[in-house]
Every structure is written in structure tokens, then in C-alpha cells.
């Protein structure tokens, strides 16, 4: 038996998992956070800081481009679940972006 723990997309050897606020962010939580930013900029979700719903298509495009770049750069290193989530998020956000661009 080895002292090996599997992360979502990598192997950590001999490291203990921090607890509470020190715990590392899960990759899926990270990409959902980026997707949430795109939704805020598309005007589909209120900004949590202001409570206002505002559309900024340029910033939405930037968030979407960032997600797309991250998807390309992580290709082959994602679990099946992460890949499925990424594809679903990108498809949904791209459709929403096209709709927001028409308004």
C-alpha cells in the first residue's frame, strides 16, 4: 500500500488534507465560479456585491474566453465528471452569450 491520495486531476503523495478554510478549492468549484462570473456579466444573475442585474457583454466574453482557454489547457487531465461539467457549462454559456449579444 502506498501513501498516495488521488485529487480530482492529479496525484498527491504524502500530503495531508487541510481542513476548514485551509482546504484547497475543488476544480469543479473553480470552473463553476468562473461560469457564475459569466452569468453575472450576461445579466442572467444579479451581482452578489451590489444586488443589481447588469449586462456587460464584453466582460461576459472575457469570462467565456477564459473558460474556453482553461478547457483547452486541461484537456486530457480532467476526470469524466469534470469534462462533462466543463462541456455543459461552455455550451450553456455560449448559447446565453449569443442570445445576450442579440439584445
C-alpha atoms as a PDB file:
ATOM      1  CA  UNK A   1       0.000   0.000   0.000  1.00  0.00           C
ATOM      2  CA  UNK A   2       1.373   3.405  -0.956  1.00  0.00           C
ATOM      3  CA  UNK A   3       0.974   6.732   0.777  1.00  0.00           C
ATOM      4  CA  UNK A   4      -0.873   8.178  -2.226  1.00  0.00           C
ATOM      5  CA  UNK A   5      -4.082  10.195  -2.355  1.00  0.00           C
ATOM      6  CA  UNK A   6      -5.852  10.959  -5.606  1.00  0.00           C
ATOM      7  CA  UNK A   7      -7.016  14.515  -6.219  1.00  0.00           C
ATOM      8  CA  UNK A   8      -9.550  15.394  -8.855  1.00  0.00           C
ATOM      9  CA  UNK A   9      -6.986  15.650 -11.630  1.00  0.00           C
ATOM     10  CA  UNK A  10      -3.621  14.900 -10.048  1.00  0.00           C
ATOM     11  CA  UNK A  11      -1.852  12.661  -7.566  1.00  0.00           C
ATOM     12  CA  UNK A  12      -0.627  13.982  -4.228  1.00  0.00           C
ATOM     13  CA  UNK A  13       1.925  11.892  -2.350  1.00  0.00           C
ATOM     14  CA  UNK A  14       2.394  12.099   1.387  1.00  0.00           C
ATOM     15  CA  UNK A  15       0.342  15.246   1.850  1.00  0.00           C
ATOM     16  CA  UNK A  16      -2.358  15.578   4.449  1.00  0.00           C
ATOM     17  CA  UNK A  17      -5.627  17.243   3.556  1.00  0.00           C
ATOM     18  CA  UNK A  18      -6.139  20.599   5.293  1.00  0.00           C
ATOM     19  CA  UNK A  19      -9.485  21.161   6.946  1.00  0.00           C
ATOM     20  CA  UNK A  20     -11.863  24.093   7.170  1.00  0.00           C
ATOM     21  CA  UNK A  21     -10.900  27.298   5.392  1.00  0.00           C
ATOM     22  CA  UNK A  22      -7.461  25.865   4.533  1.00  0.00           C
ATOM     23  CA  UNK A  23      -8.970  23.160   2.309  1.00  0.00           C
ATOM     24  CA  UNK A  24      -7.999  23.533  -1.359  1.00  0.00           C
ATOM     25  CA  UNK A  25     -10.740  24.577  -3.744  1.00  0.00           C
ATOM     26  CA  UNK A  26     -12.131  21.761  -5.874  1.00  0.00           C
ATOM     27  CA  UNK A  27     -11.578  22.176  -9.602  1.00  0.00           C
ATOM     28  CA  UNK A  28     -15.309  21.901 -10.297  1.00  0.00           C
ATOM     29  CA  UNK A  29     -15.982  24.673  -7.772  1.00  0.00           C
ATOM     30  CA  UNK A  30     -13.385  26.807  -9.536  1.00  0.00           C
ATOM     31  CA  UNK A  31     -14.940  26.440 -13.000  1.00  0.00           C
ATOM     32  CA  UNK A  32     -18.446  26.972 -11.631  1.00  0.00           C
ATOM     33  CA  UNK A  33     -17.166  30.206 -10.073  1.00  0.00           C
ATOM     34  CA  UNK A  34     -15.836  31.332 -13.457  1.00  0.00           C
ATOM     35  CA  UNK A  35     -19.140  30.375 -15.079  1.00  0.00           C
ATOM     36  CA  UNK A  36     -21.009  32.373 -12.417  1.00  0.00           C
ATOM     37  CA  UNK A  37     -18.950  35.402 -13.335  1.00  0.00           C
ATOM     38  CA  UNK A  38     -20.018  34.998 -16.963  1.00  0.00           C
ATOM     39  CA  UNK A  39     -23.679  34.710 -15.900  1.00  0.00           C
ATOM     40  CA  UNK A  40     -23.382  37.907 -13.868  1.00  0.00           C
ATOM     41  CA  UNK A  41     -21.891  39.768 -16.845  1.00  0.00           C
ATOM     42  CA  UNK A  42     -24.568  38.366 -19.159  1.00  0.00           C
ATOM     43  CA  UNK A  43     -27.182  39.902 -16.854  1.00  0.00           C
ATOM     44  CA  UNK A  44     -28.677  36.488 -16.052  1.00  0.00           C
ATOM     45  CA  UNK A  45     -27.697  36.642 -12.373  1.00  0.00           C
ATOM     46  CA  UNK A  46     -27.538  39.620 -10.003  1.00  0.00           C
ATOM     47  CA  UNK A  47     -24.124  40.793  -8.920  1.00  0.00           C
ATOM     48  CA  UNK A  48     -23.723  39.431  -5.359  1.00  0.00           C
ATOM     49  CA  UNK A  49     -21.923  42.608  -4.224  1.00  0.00           C
ATOM     50  CA  UNK A  50     -24.492  45.103  -5.489  1.00  0.00           C
ATOM     51  CA  UNK A  51     -27.623  43.007  -5.926  1.00  0.00           C
ATOM     52  CA  UNK A  52     -28.057  44.640  -9.341  1.00  0.00           C
ATOM     53  CA  UNK A  53     -28.537  42.809 -12.617  1.00  0.00           C
ATOM     54  CA  UNK A  54     -26.486  44.472 -15.342  1.00  0.00           C
ATOM     55  CA  UNK A  55     -25.280  43.283 -18.734  1.00  0.00           C
ATOM     56  CA  UNK A  56     -21.685  43.736 -19.876  1.00  0.00           C
ATOM     57  CA  UNK A  57     -21.231  41.612 -22.989  1.00  0.00           C
ATOM     58  CA  UNK A  58     -17.518  42.448 -23.227  1.00  0.00           C
ATOM     59  CA  UNK A  59     -16.805  41.143 -19.739  1.00  0.00           C
ATOM     60  CA  UNK A  60     -19.035  38.124 -20.379  1.00  0.00           C
ATOM     61  CA  UNK A  61     -16.973  37.382 -23.500  1.00  0.00           C
ATOM     62  CA  UNK A  62     -13.776  37.648 -21.447  1.00  0.00           C
ATOM     63  CA  UNK A  63     -15.098  35.191 -18.838  1.00  0.00           C
ATOM     64  CA  UNK A  64     -16.231  32.807 -21.570  1.00  0.00           C
ATOM     65  CA  UNK A  65     -12.866  33.036 -23.351  1.00  0.00           C
ATOM     66  CA  UNK A  66     -11.086  32.322 -20.069  1.00  0.00           C
ATOM     67  CA  UNK A  67     -13.197  29.215 -19.503  1.00  0.00           C
ATOM     68  CA  UNK A  68     -12.627  28.047 -23.085  1.00  0.00           C
ATOM     69  CA  UNK A  69      -8.857  28.531 -22.763  1.00  0.00           C
ATOM     70  CA  UNK A  70      -8.805  26.641 -19.468  1.00  0.00           C
ATOM     71  CA  UNK A  71     -10.791  23.814 -21.059  1.00  0.00           C
ATOM     72  CA  UNK A  72      -8.254  23.501 -23.878  1.00  0.00           C
ATOM     73  CA  UNK A  73      -5.275  23.682 -21.499  1.00  0.00           C
ATOM     74  CA  UNK A  74      -6.675  20.994 -19.184  1.00  0.00           C
ATOM     75  CA  UNK A  75      -7.694  18.594 -21.968  1.00  0.00           C
ATOM     76  CA  UNK A  76      -6.612  15.058 -21.153  1.00  0.00           C
ATOM     77  CA  UNK A  77      -6.191  15.878 -17.446  1.00  0.00           C
ATOM     78  CA  UNK A  78      -9.845  16.011 -16.433  1.00  0.00           C
ATOM     79  CA  UNK A  79     -11.960  13.317 -14.869  1.00  0.00           C
ATOM     80  CA  UNK A  80     -15.009  12.207 -16.834  1.00  0.00           C
ATOM     81  CA  UNK A  81     -17.216  14.209 -14.456  1.00  0.00           C
ATOM     82  CA  UNK A  82     -15.098  17.370 -14.834  1.00  0.00           C
ATOM     83  CA  UNK A  83     -15.095  17.038 -18.634  1.00  0.00           C
ATOM     84  CA  UNK A  84     -18.869  16.616 -18.745  1.00  0.00           C
ATOM     85  CA  UNK A  85     -19.391  19.622 -16.445  1.00  0.00           C
ATOM     86  CA  UNK A  86     -16.997  21.749 -18.493  1.00  0.00           C
ATOM     87  CA  UNK A  87     -18.713  20.849 -21.776  1.00  0.00           C
ATOM     88  CA  UNK A  88     -22.174  21.519 -20.339  1.00  0.00           C
ATOM     89  CA  UNK A  89     -21.131  24.879 -18.871  1.00  0.00           C
ATOM     90  CA  UNK A  90     -19.441  26.036 -22.066  1.00  0.00           C
ATOM     91  CA  UNK A  91     -22.370  25.017 -24.261  1.00  0.00           C
ATOM     92  CA  UNK A  92     -24.889  26.750 -21.995  1.00  0.00           C
ATOM     93  CA  UNK A  93     -22.811  29.915 -21.644  1.00  0.00           C
ATOM     94  CA  UNK A  94     -22.146  30.140 -25.376  1.00  0.00           C
ATOM     95  CA  UNK A  95     -25.872  29.913 -26.121  1.00  0.00           C
ATOM     96  CA  UNK A  96     -26.625  32.538 -23.487  1.00  0.00           C
ATOM     97  CA  UNK A  97     -23.877  34.771 -24.898  1.00  0.00           C
ATOM     98  CA  UNK A  98     -25.366  34.596 -28.405  1.00  0.00           C
ATOM     99  CA  UNK A  99     -28.794  35.491 -27.008  1.00  0.00           C
ATOM    100  CA  UNK A 100     -27.390  38.375 -24.934  1.00  0.00           C
ATOM    101  CA  UNK A 101     -25.498  39.708 -27.957  1.00  0.00           C
ATOM    102  CA  UNK A 102     -28.753  39.931 -29.926  1.00  0.00           C
ATOM    103  CA  UNK A 103     -30.493  42.083 -27.280  1.00  0.00           C
END
